[in-house]
Each structure stands twice: as C-alpha cells, then as structure tokens.
Amino acid sequence: MWILISYTLIAIGAATSSVEELISHRRTRVVLSQTRTRSALTVATSLFLIVASMLVLAATWYVRVPEAPEVGGALLILATGLVLRTVIIQGLDGSDRMLLCAGVGTASWANLQPYANWLGTAAWLGLFILLSLAYFDSGLAKVRHRGWRVGRQFALTLNMKEFGNKLVAGLLLSSPRFATLASWGVITLELAAGPLLLIGGWVAVATGALLAIMHLSIAVLMGLGRFFYPFVGALCFVIAAHPW
C-alpha cells in the first residue's frame, strides 16, 4: 500500500509542478530570456508530464500491484518526461531535482524488481543514497551557518515576506532558547536521516514520520508545498520497499 502511495505522491508532485510551470511560463520566459523553441518545448514537456502523471495515477490504483507491467510502464513514461524536463526547462529547484530522483528511482525499481531481487535492491539503493545525501547536504549547510546553529536564522527564515509565518517567527524570535532547540532538532534529523532510514523497521518508520512532519510543516507554514510530494513520496518508497 505504501509503495502505491509513494507513486501517487510522486505523480501529484509532477503534475503540480507542471501546472505551476504553465501558469508562470509567460513571466519566466521573459526573465530567463527563453527562445521560442525552448519556450514551446517547455510548454510541451509540462503538458506531457501532466498526462503522464494522470496515467501513473490511473495505472497505480486500477492495478494496485507495485511491480505490475502496466504500473512500471506508466512510471517509465513519467520518468522519461522528468528527464526531458531537466534538460529543457530552466530554473529548476531542489524539489524538482528530488522529483527527478524519485521518478527515475521508482520507475527503475518497478521495472527491475520483477526480473531479479538484486536488481530491485540496486534501484532502491540508488534512490536511498540520493535521498540521504539531499538531507545530509541540507543539514551540513545549516551547521556551517552560525545563524542556524544559534537558531536565529530559523526564525528569520519563517519571518520572510514571501515564505514565512509571522506568528511562528515571532514565537521563535522572542524565545532564543526554543529557536535554538528547534533549529538543532531539524539539523540533527537531517544529518541522521540516512543512517536511520538504512536500519529499517520501526526506526526507519519513525524517522520517515518525523521527516514527513517536517515537510508538512514547511508546506503549511512557508507555503512550499512542492517539496512535500517528491520527498515524502521518496520516503514512503524507501521505507516500504526496504530490502531487509
């Protein structure tokens, strides 16, 4: 069930980011000085990904077998679109890169697992490594930043006009100790995510739940919902398809 949920989240993430790309295309085309050819390819790729996402959702919940050929084929189409998107569309962010990793990783597993368990394990390991590195790099960047170490940057990030929550930011700014504790909680979780997920069992489940709560909080408090779908989708898959 959780593997099916992971496919669903990844497909929703791809569709959501593609719809946003279409909505903001006129503005980004001017900002990035896109040629007519690149602009047309960007629109075509976004439309392709929306259709591919719908195909994944339909195949996933009609067949309901994670390794079924129909599901694997739909995921492969989506993964192909995500690869093309990386080549064609400019200005992709961290959520887009994780969406690519999650899409390619799950498509590889779904198509290789039926042939041999070790091939499925190799596909799982690839996505696990990329997901772990993403969290570790994020945590390491925060450790190197004094503002994050003392907690003030956490509060200032939430106090941003574009992405933030004034109520929570005010609470953190008025309570430096609580801000430091919250900041180090996030840092520790990100740095330890890889090893904890690798253990498997209830340790991986608890770690995944904490990370999902973190992403949900970011989506609700900062309006950055695009990160929720690929990261939580990848987490669901890594935990549910754990080879041991």
C-alpha atoms as a PDB file:
ATOM      1  CA  MET A   1       0.000   0.000   0.000  1.00  0.00           C
ATOM      2  CA  TRP A   2       2.732   2.494   0.950  1.00  0.00           C
ATOM      3  CA  ILE A   3       4.563   1.915  -2.320  1.00  0.00           C
ATOM      4  CA  LEU A   4       1.343   2.766  -4.153  1.00  0.00           C
ATOM      5  CA  ILE A   5       1.059   5.916  -2.027  1.00  0.00           C
ATOM      6  CA  SER A   6       4.626   6.828  -2.945  1.00  0.00           C
ATOM      7  CA  TYR A   7       3.783   6.515  -6.665  1.00  0.00           C
ATOM      8  CA  THR A   8       0.736   8.691  -6.074  1.00  0.00           C
ATOM      9  CA  LEU A   9       2.658  11.444  -4.305  1.00  0.00           C
ATOM     10  CA  ILE A  10       5.354  11.493  -6.991  1.00  0.00           C
ATOM     11  CA  ALA A  11       2.737  11.714  -9.742  1.00  0.00           C
ATOM     12  CA  ILE A  12       0.886  14.512  -7.934  1.00  0.00           C
ATOM     13  CA  GLY A  13       4.182  16.324  -7.439  1.00  0.00           C
ATOM     14  CA  ALA A  14       4.988  16.093 -11.146  1.00  0.00           C
ATOM     15  CA  ALA A  15       1.521  17.300 -12.142  1.00  0.00           C
ATOM     16  CA  THR A  16       1.554  20.150  -9.611  1.00  0.00           C
ATOM     17  CA  SER A  17       4.969  21.455 -10.647  1.00  0.00           C
ATOM     18  CA  SER A  18       3.999  21.206 -14.326  1.00  0.00           C
ATOM     19  CA  VAL A  19       0.774  23.140 -13.795  1.00  0.00           C
ATOM     20  CA  GLU A  20       2.712  25.819 -11.912  1.00  0.00           C
ATOM     21  CA  GLU A  21       5.233  25.911 -14.744  1.00  0.00           C
ATOM     22  CA  LEU A  22       2.443  26.547 -17.260  1.00  0.00           C
ATOM     23  CA  ILE A  23       0.855  29.249 -15.105  1.00  0.00           C
ATOM     24  CA  SER A  24       4.108  31.153 -14.600  1.00  0.00           C
ATOM     25  CA  HIS A  25       5.536  30.424 -18.047  1.00  0.00           C
ATOM     26  CA  ARG A  26       4.981  33.851 -19.583  1.00  0.00           C
ATOM     27  CA  ARG A  27       6.842  35.539 -16.757  1.00  0.00           C
ATOM     28  CA  THR A  28       9.695  33.024 -16.553  1.00  0.00           C
ATOM     29  CA  ARG A  29      10.091  33.066 -20.333  1.00  0.00           C
ATOM     30  CA  VAL A  30      10.905  36.776 -20.161  1.00  0.00           C
ATOM     31  CA  VAL A  31      13.069  36.520 -17.028  1.00  0.00           C
ATOM     32  CA  LEU A  32      15.131  33.627 -18.421  1.00  0.00           C
ATOM     33  CA  SER A  33      15.199  35.071 -21.965  1.00  0.00           C
ATOM     34  CA  GLN A  34      13.952  31.831 -23.474  1.00  0.00           C
ATOM     35  CA  THR A  35      13.959  31.351 -27.239  1.00  0.00           C
ATOM     36  CA  ARG A  36      10.697  30.476 -28.976  1.00  0.00           C
ATOM     37  CA  THR A  37      11.890  26.915 -29.427  1.00  0.00           C
ATOM     38  CA  ARG A  38      12.777  26.438 -25.762  1.00  0.00           C
ATOM     39  CA  SER A  39       9.531  28.113 -24.729  1.00  0.00           C
ATOM     40  CA  ALA A  40       7.489  25.748 -26.911  1.00  0.00           C
ATOM     41  CA  LEU A  41       9.418  22.727 -25.623  1.00  0.00           C
ATOM     42  CA  THR A  42       8.837  23.862 -22.037  1.00  0.00           C
ATOM     43  CA  VAL A  43       5.078  24.023 -22.569  1.00  0.00           C
ATOM     44  CA  ALA A  44       5.033  20.681 -24.406  1.00  0.00           C
ATOM     45  CA  THR A  45       7.074  18.985 -21.662  1.00  0.00           C
ATOM     46  CA  SER A  46       4.790  20.326 -18.938  1.00  0.00           C
ATOM     47  CA  LEU A  47       1.700  19.074 -20.774  1.00  0.00           C
ATOM     48  CA  PHE A  48       3.370  15.699 -21.339  1.00  0.00           C
ATOM     49  CA  LEU A  49       4.127  15.384 -17.615  1.00  0.00           C
ATOM     50  CA  ILE A  50       0.553  16.220 -16.655  1.00  0.00           C
ATOM     51  CA  VAL A  51      -0.739  13.441 -18.938  1.00  0.00           C
ATOM     52  CA  ALA A  52       1.963  11.041 -17.715  1.00  0.00           C
ATOM     53  CA  SER A  53       1.060  11.793 -14.087  1.00  0.00           C
ATOM     54  CA  MET A  54      -2.593  11.005 -14.756  1.00  0.00           C
ATOM     55  CA  LEU A  55      -1.516   7.769 -16.425  1.00  0.00           C
ATOM     56  CA  VAL A  56       0.519   6.768 -13.343  1.00  0.00           C
ATOM     57  CA  LEU A  57      -2.402   7.526 -11.021  1.00  0.00           C
ATOM     58  CA  ALA A  58      -4.817   5.527 -13.174  1.00  0.00           C
ATOM     59  CA  ALA A  59      -2.495   2.527 -13.545  1.00  0.00           C
ATOM     60  CA  THR A  60      -1.482   2.543  -9.879  1.00  0.00           C
ATOM     61  CA  TRP A  61      -4.971   2.455  -8.433  1.00  0.00           C
ATOM     62  CA  TYR A  62      -6.556   0.296 -11.127  1.00  0.00           C
ATOM     63  CA  VAL A  63      -3.963  -2.486 -10.963  1.00  0.00           C
ATOM     64  CA  ARG A  64      -2.802  -1.942  -7.343  1.00  0.00           C
ATOM     65  CA  VAL A  65       0.299  -4.085  -7.795  1.00  0.00           C
ATOM     66  CA  PRO A  66       3.557  -2.069  -7.391  1.00  0.00           C
ATOM     67  CA  GLU A  67       5.597  -4.271  -9.761  1.00  0.00           C
ATOM     68  CA  ALA A  68       2.865  -4.771 -12.394  1.00  0.00           C
ATOM     69  CA  PRO A  69       3.979  -4.122 -16.020  1.00  0.00           C
ATOM     70  CA  GLU A  70       1.229  -1.530 -16.505  1.00  0.00           C
ATOM     71  CA  VAL A  71       2.372   0.436 -13.463  1.00  0.00           C
ATOM     72  CA  GLY A  72       6.036   0.059 -14.364  1.00  0.00           C
ATOM     73  CA  GLY A  73       5.333   1.273 -17.897  1.00  0.00           C
ATOM     74  CA  ALA A  74       3.425   4.319 -16.667  1.00  0.00           C
ATOM     75  CA  LEU A  75       6.229   5.176 -14.243  1.00  0.00           C
ATOM     76  CA  LEU A  76       8.788   4.802 -17.042  1.00  0.00           C
ATOM     77  CA  ILE A  77       6.852   7.289 -19.179  1.00  0.00           C
ATOM     78  CA  LEU A  78       6.746   9.723 -16.243  1.00  0.00           C
ATOM     79  CA  ALA A  79      10.461   9.256 -15.556  1.00  0.00           C
ATOM     80  CA  THR A  80      11.251   9.942 -19.222  1.00  0.00           C
ATOM     81  CA  GLY A  81       9.266  13.169 -19.021  1.00  0.00           C
ATOM     82  CA  LEU A  82      11.105  14.210 -15.870  1.00  0.00           C
ATOM     83  CA  VAL A  83      14.482  13.599 -17.542  1.00  0.00           C
ATOM     84  CA  LEU A  84      13.416  15.687 -20.543  1.00  0.00           C
ATOM     85  CA  ARG A  85      12.176  18.380 -18.186  1.00  0.00           C
ATOM     86  CA  THR A  86      15.603  18.602 -16.572  1.00  0.00           C
ATOM     87  CA  VAL A  87      17.232  19.094 -19.979  1.00  0.00           C
ATOM     88  CA  ILE A  88      14.692  21.562 -21.367  1.00  0.00           C
ATOM     89  CA  ILE A  89      13.293  23.676 -18.530  1.00  0.00           C
ATOM     90  CA  GLN A  90      15.470  26.319 -16.892  1.00  0.00           C
ATOM     91  CA  GLY A  91      15.439  27.339 -13.241  1.00  0.00           C
ATOM     92  CA  LEU A  92      14.593  24.014 -11.599  1.00  0.00           C
ATOM     93  CA  ASP A  93      14.919  23.949  -7.786  1.00  0.00           C
ATOM     94  CA  GLY A  94      15.625  21.340  -5.108  1.00  0.00           C
ATOM     95  CA  SER A  95      12.110  19.938  -5.199  1.00  0.00           C
ATOM     96  CA  ASP A  96      12.397  19.392  -8.955  1.00  0.00           C
ATOM     97  CA  ARG A  97      15.714  17.572  -8.565  1.00  0.00           C
ATOM     98  CA  MET A  98      14.267  15.270  -5.915  1.00  0.00           C
ATOM     99  CA  LEU A  99      11.209  14.721  -8.115  1.00  0.00           C
ATOM    100  CA  LEU A 100      13.563  13.529 -10.857  1.00  0.00           C
ATOM    101  CA  CYS A 101      15.392  11.199  -8.446  1.00  0.00           C
ATOM    102  CA  ALA A 102      12.126   9.807  -7.063  1.00  0.00           C
ATOM    103  CA  GLY A 103      10.587   9.349 -10.504  1.00  0.00           C
ATOM    104  CA  VAL A 104      13.600   7.591 -12.007  1.00  0.00           C
ATOM    105  CA  GLY A 105      14.241   5.553  -8.838  1.00  0.00           C
ATOM    106  CA  THR A 106      10.702   4.200  -8.513  1.00  0.00           C
ATOM    107  CA  ALA A 107      10.430   3.522 -12.256  1.00  0.00           C
ATOM    108  CA  SER A 108      13.712   1.583 -12.152  1.00  0.00           C
ATOM    109  CA  TRP A 109      12.563  -0.482  -9.168  1.00  0.00           C
ATOM    110  CA  ALA A 110       9.122  -1.247 -10.614  1.00  0.00           C
ATOM    111  CA  ASN A 111      10.621  -2.449 -13.893  1.00  0.00           C
ATOM    112  CA  LEU A 112      13.652  -4.299 -12.495  1.00  0.00           C
ATOM    113  CA  GLN A 113      12.257  -5.917  -9.338  1.00  0.00           C
ATOM    114  CA  PRO A 114      10.135  -8.498 -11.252  1.00  0.00           C
ATOM    115  CA  TYR A 115      13.268  -9.790 -13.024  1.00  0.00           C
ATOM    116  CA  ALA A 116      15.557 -10.184 -10.010  1.00  0.00           C
ATOM    117  CA  ASN A 117      15.520  -9.077  -6.404  1.00  0.00           C
ATOM    118  CA  TRP A 118      19.103  -7.844  -6.597  1.00  0.00           C
ATOM    119  CA  LEU A 119      18.203  -5.519  -9.470  1.00  0.00           C
ATOM    120  CA  GLY A 120      15.349  -4.107  -7.408  1.00  0.00           C
ATOM    121  CA  THR A 121      17.688  -3.703  -4.457  1.00  0.00           C
ATOM    122  CA  ALA A 122      20.155  -1.803  -6.662  1.00  0.00           C
ATOM    123  CA  ALA A 123      17.390   0.577  -7.789  1.00  0.00           C
ATOM    124  CA  TRP A 124      16.254   1.032  -4.176  1.00  0.00           C
ATOM    125  CA  LEU A 125      19.813   1.705  -3.067  1.00  0.00           C
ATOM    126  CA  GLY A 126      20.274   4.388  -5.720  1.00  0.00           C
ATOM    127  CA  LEU A 127      17.232   6.347  -4.573  1.00  0.00           C
ATOM    128  CA  PHE A 128      18.113   5.806  -0.915  1.00  0.00           C
ATOM    129  CA  ILE A 129      21.610   7.267  -1.427  1.00  0.00           C
ATOM    130  CA  LEU A 130      20.312  10.318  -3.297  1.00  0.00           C
ATOM    131  CA  LEU A 131      17.617  10.961  -0.688  1.00  0.00           C
ATOM    132  CA  SER A 132      20.085  10.569   2.188  1.00  0.00           C
ATOM    133  CA  LEU A 133      22.596  12.903   0.534  1.00  0.00           C
ATOM    134  CA  ALA A 134      19.903  15.533  -0.006  1.00  0.00           C
ATOM    135  CA  TYR A 135      19.087  15.553   3.713  1.00  0.00           C
ATOM    136  CA  PHE A 136      22.745  15.393   4.761  1.00  0.00           C
ATOM    137  CA  ASP A 137      23.747  18.284   2.499  1.00  0.00           C
ATOM    138  CA  SER A 138      20.879  20.371   3.856  1.00  0.00           C
ATOM    139  CA  GLY A 139      21.851  19.624   7.466  1.00  0.00           C
ATOM    140  CA  LEU A 140      25.549  20.236   6.800  1.00  0.00           C
ATOM    141  CA  ALA A 141      24.826  23.608   5.192  1.00  0.00           C
ATOM    142  CA  LYS A 142      22.890  24.614   8.305  1.00  0.00           C
ATOM    143  CA  VAL A 143      25.695  23.509  10.640  1.00  0.00           C
ATOM    144  CA  ARG A 144      28.148  25.706   8.737  1.00  0.00           C
ATOM    145  CA  HIS A 145      25.855  28.729   9.131  1.00  0.00           C
ATOM    146  CA  ARG A 146      26.136  30.361  12.556  1.00  0.00           C
ATOM    147  CA  GLY A 147      22.609  31.729  12.290  1.00  0.00           C
ATOM    148  CA  TRP A 148      21.223  28.204  12.093  1.00  0.00           C
ATOM    149  CA  ARG A 149      23.454  26.991  14.927  1.00  0.00           C
ATOM    150  CA  VAL A 150      22.056  29.615  17.312  1.00  0.00           C
ATOM    151  CA  GLY A 151      18.522  29.304  15.914  1.00  0.00           C
ATOM    152  CA  ARG A 152      18.112  32.896  14.732  1.00  0.00           C
ATOM    153  CA  GLN A 153      18.227  32.019  11.028  1.00  0.00           C
ATOM    154  CA  PHE A 154      15.390  29.557  11.572  1.00  0.00           C
ATOM    155  CA  ALA A 155      13.274  32.386  12.948  1.00  0.00           C
ATOM    156  CA  LEU A 156      14.348  34.826  10.220  1.00  0.00           C
ATOM    157  CA  THR A 157      13.508  32.294   7.510  1.00  0.00           C
ATOM    158  CA  LEU A 158       9.983  31.993   8.876  1.00  0.00           C
ATOM    159  CA  ASN A 159       9.825  35.801   9.051  1.00  0.00           C
ATOM    160  CA  MET A 160      10.349  36.218   5.296  1.00  0.00           C
ATOM    161  CA  LYS A 161       7.678  38.182   3.468  1.00  0.00           C
ATOM    162  CA  GLU A 162       7.373  35.713   0.588  1.00  0.00           C
ATOM    163  CA  PHE A 163       7.770  32.443   2.518  1.00  0.00           C
ATOM    164  CA  GLY A 164       7.011  32.598   6.183  1.00  0.00           C
ATOM    165  CA  ASN A 165       4.648  32.665   9.111  1.00  0.00           C
ATOM    166  CA  LYS A 166       4.747  35.786  11.263  1.00  0.00           C
ATOM    167  CA  LEU A 167       3.129  34.098  14.270  1.00  0.00           C
ATOM    168  CA  VAL A 168       5.650  31.248  14.487  1.00  0.00           C
ATOM    169  CA  ALA A 169       8.535  33.577  13.588  1.00  0.00           C
ATOM    170  CA  GLY A 170       7.528  35.909  16.430  1.00  0.00           C
ATOM    171  CA  LEU A 171       7.462  32.998  18.859  1.00  0.00           C
ATOM    172  CA  LEU A 172      10.963  31.895  17.857  1.00  0.00           C
ATOM    173  CA  LEU A 173      12.390  35.434  17.886  1.00  0.00           C
ATOM    174  CA  SER A 174      11.005  36.063  21.357  1.00  0.00           C
ATOM    175  CA  SER A 175      12.386  32.764  22.692  1.00  0.00           C
ATOM    176  CA  PRO A 176      16.021  32.256  21.546  1.00  0.00           C
ATOM    177  CA  ARG A 177      16.433  29.023  23.528  1.00  0.00           C
ATOM    178  CA  PHE A 178      13.395  27.471  21.921  1.00  0.00           C
ATOM    179  CA  ALA A 179      14.596  28.651  18.492  1.00  0.00           C
ATOM    180  CA  THR A 180      18.000  27.038  19.082  1.00  0.00           C
ATOM    181  CA  LEU A 181      16.392  23.786  20.222  1.00  0.00           C
ATOM    182  CA  ALA A 182      14.058  23.708  17.212  1.00  0.00           C
ATOM    183  CA  SER A 183      16.886  24.526  14.824  1.00  0.00           C
ATOM    184  CA  TRP A 184      19.130  21.773  16.162  1.00  0.00           C
ATOM    185  CA  GLY A 185      16.222  19.357  16.066  1.00  0.00           C
ATOM    186  CA  VAL A 186      15.909  19.923  12.313  1.00  0.00           C
ATOM    187  CA  ILE A 187      19.685  19.789  11.783  1.00  0.00           C
ATOM    188  CA  THR A 188      20.085  16.550  13.744  1.00  0.00           C
ATOM    189  CA  LEU A 189      17.198  14.898  11.939  1.00  0.00           C
ATOM    190  CA  GLU A 190      18.585  15.809   8.520  1.00  0.00           C
ATOM    191  CA  LEU A 191      22.137  14.697   9.324  1.00  0.00           C
ATOM    192  CA  ALA A 192      20.998  11.376  10.820  1.00  0.00           C
ATOM    193  CA  ALA A 193      18.243  10.639   8.275  1.00  0.00           C
ATOM    194  CA  GLY A 194      20.342   8.369   6.042  1.00  0.00           C
ATOM    195  CA  PRO A 195      21.725   6.012   8.703  1.00  0.00           C
ATOM    196  CA  LEU A 196      18.370   5.814  10.481  1.00  0.00           C
ATOM    197  CA  LEU A 197      16.474   5.009   7.283  1.00  0.00           C
ATOM    198  CA  LEU A 198      19.066   2.370   6.412  1.00  0.00           C
ATOM    199  CA  ILE A 199      18.393   0.499   9.668  1.00  0.00           C
ATOM    200  CA  GLY A 200      14.857  -0.265   8.547  1.00  0.00           C
ATOM    201  CA  GLY A 201      11.988  -1.472  10.736  1.00  0.00           C
ATOM    202  CA  TRP A 202      10.363   0.824  13.273  1.00  0.00           C
ATOM    203  CA  VAL A 203      13.457   3.065  13.344  1.00  0.00           C
ATOM    204  CA  ALA A 204      13.033   3.880   9.649  1.00  0.00           C
ATOM    205  CA  VAL A 205       9.268   4.328  10.078  1.00  0.00           C
ATOM    206  CA  ALA A 206       9.735   6.742  12.996  1.00  0.00           C
ATOM    207  CA  THR A 207      12.399   8.663  11.070  1.00  0.00           C
ATOM    208  CA  GLY A 208      10.193   8.853   7.996  1.00  0.00           C
ATOM    209  CA  ALA A 209       7.269  10.106  10.093  1.00  0.00           C
ATOM    210  CA  LEU A 210       9.392  12.885  11.623  1.00  0.00           C
ATOM    211  CA  LEU A 211      10.712  13.915   8.215  1.00  0.00           C
ATOM    212  CA  ALA A 212       7.194  13.887   6.766  1.00  0.00           C
ATOM    213  CA  ILE A 213       6.018  16.124   9.619  1.00  0.00           C
ATOM    214  CA  MET A 214       8.935  18.457   8.879  1.00  0.00           C
ATOM    215  CA  HIS A 215       7.966  18.673   5.191  1.00  0.00           C
ATOM    216  CA  LEU A 216       4.297  19.144   6.067  1.00  0.00           C
ATOM    217  CA  SER A 217       5.239  21.979   8.427  1.00  0.00           C
ATOM    218  CA  ILE A 218       7.293  23.617   5.678  1.00  0.00           C
ATOM    219  CA  ALA A 219       4.343  23.292   3.299  1.00  0.00           C
ATOM    220  CA  VAL A 220       1.832  24.743   5.777  1.00  0.00           C
ATOM    221  CA  LEU A 221       3.962  27.437   7.430  1.00  0.00           C
ATOM    222  CA  MET A 222       6.029  28.537   4.431  1.00  0.00           C
ATOM    223  CA  GLY A 223       3.792  27.667   1.502  1.00  0.00           C
ATOM    224  CA  LEU A 224       6.473  25.443  -0.077  1.00  0.00           C
ATOM    225  CA  GLY A 225       4.220  22.508  -0.837  1.00  0.00           C
ATOM    226  CA  ARG A 226       6.202  21.419  -3.890  1.00  0.00           C
ATOM    227  CA  PHE A 227       8.859  19.892  -1.618  1.00  0.00           C
ATOM    228  CA  PHE A 228       6.301  17.745   0.199  1.00  0.00           C
ATOM    229  CA  TYR A 229       5.307  15.472  -2.685  1.00  0.00           C
ATOM    230  CA  PRO A 230       8.699  14.272  -4.008  1.00  0.00           C
ATOM    231  CA  PHE A 231      10.420  13.997  -0.622  1.00  0.00           C
ATOM    232  CA  VAL A 232       7.569  12.269   1.215  1.00  0.00           C
ATOM    233  CA  GLY A 233       6.909  10.122  -1.853  1.00  0.00           C
ATOM    234  CA  ALA A 234      10.547   9.026  -1.854  1.00  0.00           C
ATOM    235  CA  LEU A 235      10.414   8.402   1.907  1.00  0.00           C
ATOM    236  CA  CYS A 236       7.333   6.196   1.587  1.00  0.00           C
ATOM    237  CA  PHE A 237       9.025   4.160  -1.120  1.00  0.00           C
ATOM    238  CA  VAL A 238      12.389   3.802   0.645  1.00  0.00           C
ATOM    239  CA  ILE A 239      10.700   2.590   3.833  1.00  0.00           C
ATOM    240  CA  ALA A 240       8.071   0.335   2.201  1.00  0.00           C
ATOM    241  CA  ALA A 241      10.447  -1.271  -0.319  1.00  0.00           C
ATOM    242  CA  HIS A 242      13.291  -1.689   2.205  1.00  0.00           C
ATOM    243  CA  PRO A 243      15.181  -4.846   1.179  1.00  0.00           C
ATOM    244  CA  TRP A 244      15.784  -6.056   4.752  1.00  0.00           C
END
